[in-house]
Amino acid sequence: MPTNPRQSELGALFDQRKYQGVLEIAKADEITPASDPQAANVVAASLFQLGRFPECLLWCEGLHPALQGEPSFSSMYGAAL
């Protein structure tokens, strides 16, 4: 469940399959795995959906310390590998 407005906005775009929009917002807002792991997870998932696996892996590596116990993250990370 989203915990902040930015995460809610990214989640809504992701649900609408507007993955490029997620990436544009992430870039504009300078979202990183360290600054906002939950929003960054949506960014990583968008990269995955776009088939940009090397970039997705970079985000997943940054997210691993914060999200290593979450099944959906682990599944995406494993699939990207």
N, C-alpha and C. Protein backbone atom coordinates (compact mmCIF):
# COMPACT_ATOMS: atom_id res chain seq x y z
N MET A 1 0.83 -1.18 0.00
CA MET A 1 0.00 0.00 0.00
C MET A 1 0.88 1.25 0.00
N PRO A 2 0.62 2.20 -0.90
CA PRO A 2 1.44 3.40 -0.98
C PRO A 2 1.44 4.19 0.33
N THR A 3 2.62 4.73 0.64
CA THR A 3 2.76 5.46 1.88
C THR A 3 2.91 6.95 1.68
N ASN A 4 3.07 7.42 0.45
CA ASN A 4 3.20 8.85 0.22
C ASN A 4 2.58 9.21 -1.13
N PRO A 5 2.31 10.50 -1.35
CA PRO A 5 1.65 10.90 -2.60
C PRO A 5 2.44 10.54 -3.85
N ARG A 6 3.76 10.69 -3.80
CA ARG A 6 4.58 10.38 -4.98
C ARG A 6 4.48 8.89 -5.31
N GLN A 7 4.55 8.06 -4.30
CA GLN A 7 4.43 6.62 -4.51
C GLN A 7 3.06 6.28 -5.07
N SER A 8 2.03 6.94 -4.60
CA SER A 8 0.67 6.71 -5.12
C SER A 8 0.58 7.09 -6.59
N GLU A 9 1.19 8.21 -6.95
CA GLU A 9 1.17 8.66 -8.34
C GLU A 9 1.92 7.67 -9.24
N LEU A 10 3.09 7.24 -8.80
CA LEU A 10 3.86 6.28 -9.57
C LEU A 10 3.12 4.95 -9.70
N GLY A 11 2.50 4.52 -8.61
CA GLY A 11 1.73 3.28 -8.63
C GLY A 11 0.57 3.35 -9.60
N ALA A 12 -0.11 4.50 -9.65
CA ALA A 12 -1.23 4.67 -10.57
C ALA A 12 -0.75 4.61 -12.02
N LEU A 13 0.36 5.29 -12.31
CA LEU A 13 0.92 5.24 -13.67
C LEU A 13 1.32 3.81 -14.04
N PHE A 14 1.94 3.11 -13.10
CA PHE A 14 2.34 1.73 -13.34
C PHE A 14 1.12 0.87 -13.64
N ASP A 15 0.08 1.01 -12.85
CA ASP A 15 -1.14 0.23 -13.06
C ASP A 15 -1.77 0.51 -14.42
N GLN A 16 -1.56 1.73 -14.94
CA GLN A 16 -2.08 2.11 -16.25
C GLN A 16 -1.10 1.74 -17.37
N ARG A 17 -0.02 1.08 -17.00
CA ARG A 17 1.03 0.66 -17.94
C ARG A 17 1.72 1.83 -18.61
N LYS A 18 1.82 2.93 -17.90
CA LYS A 18 2.51 4.13 -18.38
C LYS A 18 3.91 4.15 -17.77
N TYR A 19 4.69 3.15 -18.16
CA TYR A 19 6.00 2.94 -17.56
C TYR A 19 6.97 4.09 -17.85
N GLN A 20 6.90 4.63 -19.05
CA GLN A 20 7.79 5.75 -19.39
C GLN A 20 7.46 6.96 -18.51
N GLY A 21 6.19 7.16 -18.21
CA GLY A 21 5.79 8.25 -17.31
C GLY A 21 6.39 8.09 -15.93
N VAL A 22 6.44 6.85 -15.45
CA VAL A 22 7.08 6.57 -14.15
C VAL A 22 8.54 6.98 -14.20
N LEU A 23 9.23 6.62 -15.28
CA LEU A 23 10.64 6.93 -15.40
C LEU A 23 10.89 8.44 -15.49
N GLU A 24 10.01 9.14 -16.19
CA GLU A 24 10.15 10.59 -16.32
C GLU A 24 9.99 11.28 -14.96
N ILE A 25 9.01 10.87 -14.19
CA ILE A 25 8.81 11.45 -12.86
C ILE A 25 9.99 11.12 -11.95
N ALA A 26 10.46 9.89 -12.01
CA ALA A 26 11.59 9.49 -11.17
C ALA A 26 12.82 10.32 -11.48
N LYS A 27 13.04 10.58 -12.75
CA LYS A 27 14.19 11.40 -13.13
C LYS A 27 14.01 12.83 -12.65
N ALA A 28 12.84 13.39 -12.89
CA ALA A 28 12.58 14.78 -12.50
C ALA A 28 12.67 14.98 -10.99
N ASP A 29 12.19 13.99 -10.24
CA ASP A 29 12.18 14.09 -8.77
C ASP A 29 13.44 13.52 -8.13
N GLU A 30 14.36 13.03 -8.97
CA GLU A 30 15.62 12.46 -8.49
C GLU A 30 15.39 11.35 -7.46
N ILE A 31 14.45 10.47 -7.79
CA ILE A 31 14.17 9.32 -6.92
C ILE A 31 15.31 8.33 -7.05
N THR A 32 15.77 7.84 -5.93
CA THR A 32 16.83 6.82 -5.90
C THR A 32 16.41 5.73 -4.91
N PRO A 33 17.06 4.58 -5.00
CA PRO A 33 16.76 3.53 -4.02
C PRO A 33 17.00 3.98 -2.57
N ALA A 34 17.99 4.82 -2.38
CA ALA A 34 18.29 5.29 -1.02
C ALA A 34 17.31 6.35 -0.54
N SER A 35 16.83 7.19 -1.46
CA SER A 35 15.95 8.29 -1.04
C SER A 35 14.52 7.85 -0.79
N ASP A 36 14.04 6.88 -1.55
CA ASP A 36 12.65 6.43 -1.42
C ASP A 36 12.54 5.00 -1.98
N PRO A 37 12.86 4.00 -1.15
CA PRO A 37 12.87 2.62 -1.66
C PRO A 37 11.55 2.16 -2.27
N GLN A 38 10.43 2.54 -1.69
CA GLN A 38 9.15 2.06 -2.22
C GLN A 38 8.87 2.65 -3.60
N ALA A 39 9.12 3.95 -3.77
CA ALA A 39 8.94 4.56 -5.09
C ALA A 39 9.96 4.00 -6.07
N ALA A 40 11.18 3.80 -5.62
CA ALA A 40 12.23 3.26 -6.48
C ALA A 40 11.89 1.83 -6.93
N ASN A 41 11.17 1.10 -6.11
CA ASN A 41 10.73 -0.24 -6.49
C ASN A 41 9.79 -0.17 -7.69
N VAL A 42 8.94 0.84 -7.74
CA VAL A 42 8.05 1.04 -8.89
C VAL A 42 8.87 1.38 -10.13
N VAL A 43 9.92 2.18 -9.93
CA VAL A 43 10.80 2.52 -11.05
C VAL A 43 11.47 1.25 -11.58
N ALA A 44 12.00 0.43 -10.69
CA ALA A 44 12.65 -0.82 -11.11
C ALA A 44 11.65 -1.71 -11.85
N ALA A 45 10.43 -1.80 -11.34
CA ALA A 45 9.42 -2.62 -11.99
C ALA A 45 9.07 -2.07 -13.38
N SER A 46 9.07 -0.76 -13.53
CA SER A 46 8.80 -0.15 -14.83
C SER A 46 9.92 -0.48 -15.81
N LEU A 47 11.16 -0.39 -15.35
CA LEU A 47 12.29 -0.76 -16.19
C LEU A 47 12.17 -2.22 -16.62
N PHE A 48 11.78 -3.07 -15.68
CA PHE A 48 11.58 -4.50 -15.98
C PHE A 48 10.52 -4.67 -17.06
N GLN A 49 9.39 -4.01 -16.91
CA GLN A 49 8.30 -4.14 -17.87
C GLN A 49 8.69 -3.65 -19.26
N LEU A 50 9.61 -2.68 -19.31
CA LEU A 50 10.08 -2.15 -20.59
C LEU A 50 11.20 -2.99 -21.18
N GLY A 51 11.60 -4.05 -20.46
CA GLY A 51 12.66 -4.92 -20.95
C GLY A 51 14.05 -4.33 -20.79
N ARG A 52 14.19 -3.34 -19.94
CA ARG A 52 15.48 -2.68 -19.71
C ARG A 52 16.14 -3.35 -18.50
N PHE A 53 16.50 -4.62 -18.68
CA PHE A 53 16.97 -5.45 -17.58
C PHE A 53 18.28 -5.00 -16.94
N PRO A 54 19.27 -4.54 -17.70
CA PRO A 54 20.50 -4.08 -17.04
C PRO A 54 20.24 -2.89 -16.09
N GLU A 55 19.39 -1.96 -16.51
CA GLU A 55 19.05 -0.83 -15.65
C GLU A 55 18.22 -1.29 -14.45
N CYS A 56 17.30 -2.21 -14.69
CA CYS A 56 16.50 -2.76 -13.60
C CYS A 56 17.40 -3.40 -12.55
N LEU A 57 18.41 -4.14 -13.00
CA LEU A 57 19.33 -4.78 -12.06
C LEU A 57 20.08 -3.77 -11.21
N LEU A 58 20.47 -2.65 -11.80
CA LEU A 58 21.15 -1.62 -11.02
C LEU A 58 20.24 -1.08 -9.91
N TRP A 59 18.99 -0.84 -10.25
CA TRP A 59 18.04 -0.37 -9.25
C TRP A 59 17.81 -1.45 -8.18
N CYS A 60 17.68 -2.69 -8.62
CA CYS A 60 17.45 -3.79 -7.67
C CYS A 60 18.62 -3.94 -6.70
N GLU A 61 19.83 -3.79 -7.21
CA GLU A 61 20.99 -3.89 -6.33
C GLU A 61 20.95 -2.81 -5.26
N GLY A 62 20.53 -1.60 -5.63
CA GLY A 62 20.39 -0.53 -4.65
C GLY A 62 19.24 -0.75 -3.69
N LEU A 63 18.21 -1.43 -4.15
CA LEU A 63 17.02 -1.68 -3.32
C LEU A 63 17.16 -2.89 -2.41
N HIS A 64 18.06 -3.78 -2.74
CA HIS A 64 18.17 -5.05 -2.02
C HIS A 64 18.25 -4.89 -0.50
N PRO A 65 19.06 -3.97 0.04
CA PRO A 65 19.12 -3.86 1.50
C PRO A 65 17.76 -3.50 2.14
N ALA A 66 16.98 -2.67 1.46
CA ALA A 66 15.71 -2.22 2.03
C ALA A 66 14.55 -3.18 1.77
N LEU A 67 14.60 -3.92 0.66
CA LEU A 67 13.44 -4.72 0.25
C LEU A 67 13.71 -6.21 0.15
N GLN A 68 14.83 -6.69 0.67
CA GLN A 68 15.21 -8.08 0.46
C GLN A 68 14.20 -9.09 0.97
N GLY A 69 13.33 -8.74 1.90
CA GLY A 69 12.36 -9.69 2.41
C GLY A 69 11.02 -9.66 1.71
N GLU A 70 10.83 -8.76 0.74
CA GLU A 70 9.54 -8.64 0.06
C GLU A 70 9.49 -9.59 -1.14
N PRO A 71 8.52 -10.49 -1.15
CA PRO A 71 8.45 -11.50 -2.22
C PRO A 71 8.36 -10.92 -3.64
N SER A 72 7.58 -9.88 -3.85
CA SER A 72 7.45 -9.33 -5.21
C SER A 72 8.76 -8.73 -5.68
N PHE A 73 9.47 -8.08 -4.77
CA PHE A 73 10.78 -7.52 -5.14
C PHE A 73 11.75 -8.66 -5.47
N SER A 74 11.80 -9.65 -4.62
CA SER A 74 12.71 -10.77 -4.83
C SER A 74 12.42 -11.48 -6.15
N SER A 75 11.16 -11.62 -6.49
CA SER A 75 10.76 -12.26 -7.74
C SER A 75 11.24 -11.45 -8.94
N MET A 76 11.04 -10.13 -8.89
CA MET A 76 11.48 -9.26 -9.99
C MET A 76 13.00 -9.31 -10.10
N TYR A 77 13.67 -9.21 -8.99
CA TYR A 77 15.14 -9.22 -8.99
C TYR A 77 15.65 -10.53 -9.59
N GLY A 78 15.09 -11.64 -9.15
CA GLY A 78 15.50 -12.94 -9.68
C GLY A 78 15.22 -13.07 -11.17
N ALA A 79 14.09 -12.58 -11.61
CA ALA A 79 13.75 -12.66 -13.03
C ALA A 79 14.66 -11.77 -13.87
N ALA A 80 15.02 -10.62 -13.34
CA ALA A 80 15.92 -9.72 -14.06
C ALA A 80 17.31 -10.30 -14.18
N LEU A 81 17.71 -11.06 -13.14
CA LEU A 81 19.04 -11.69 -13.21
C LEU A 81 19.07 -12.71 -14.33
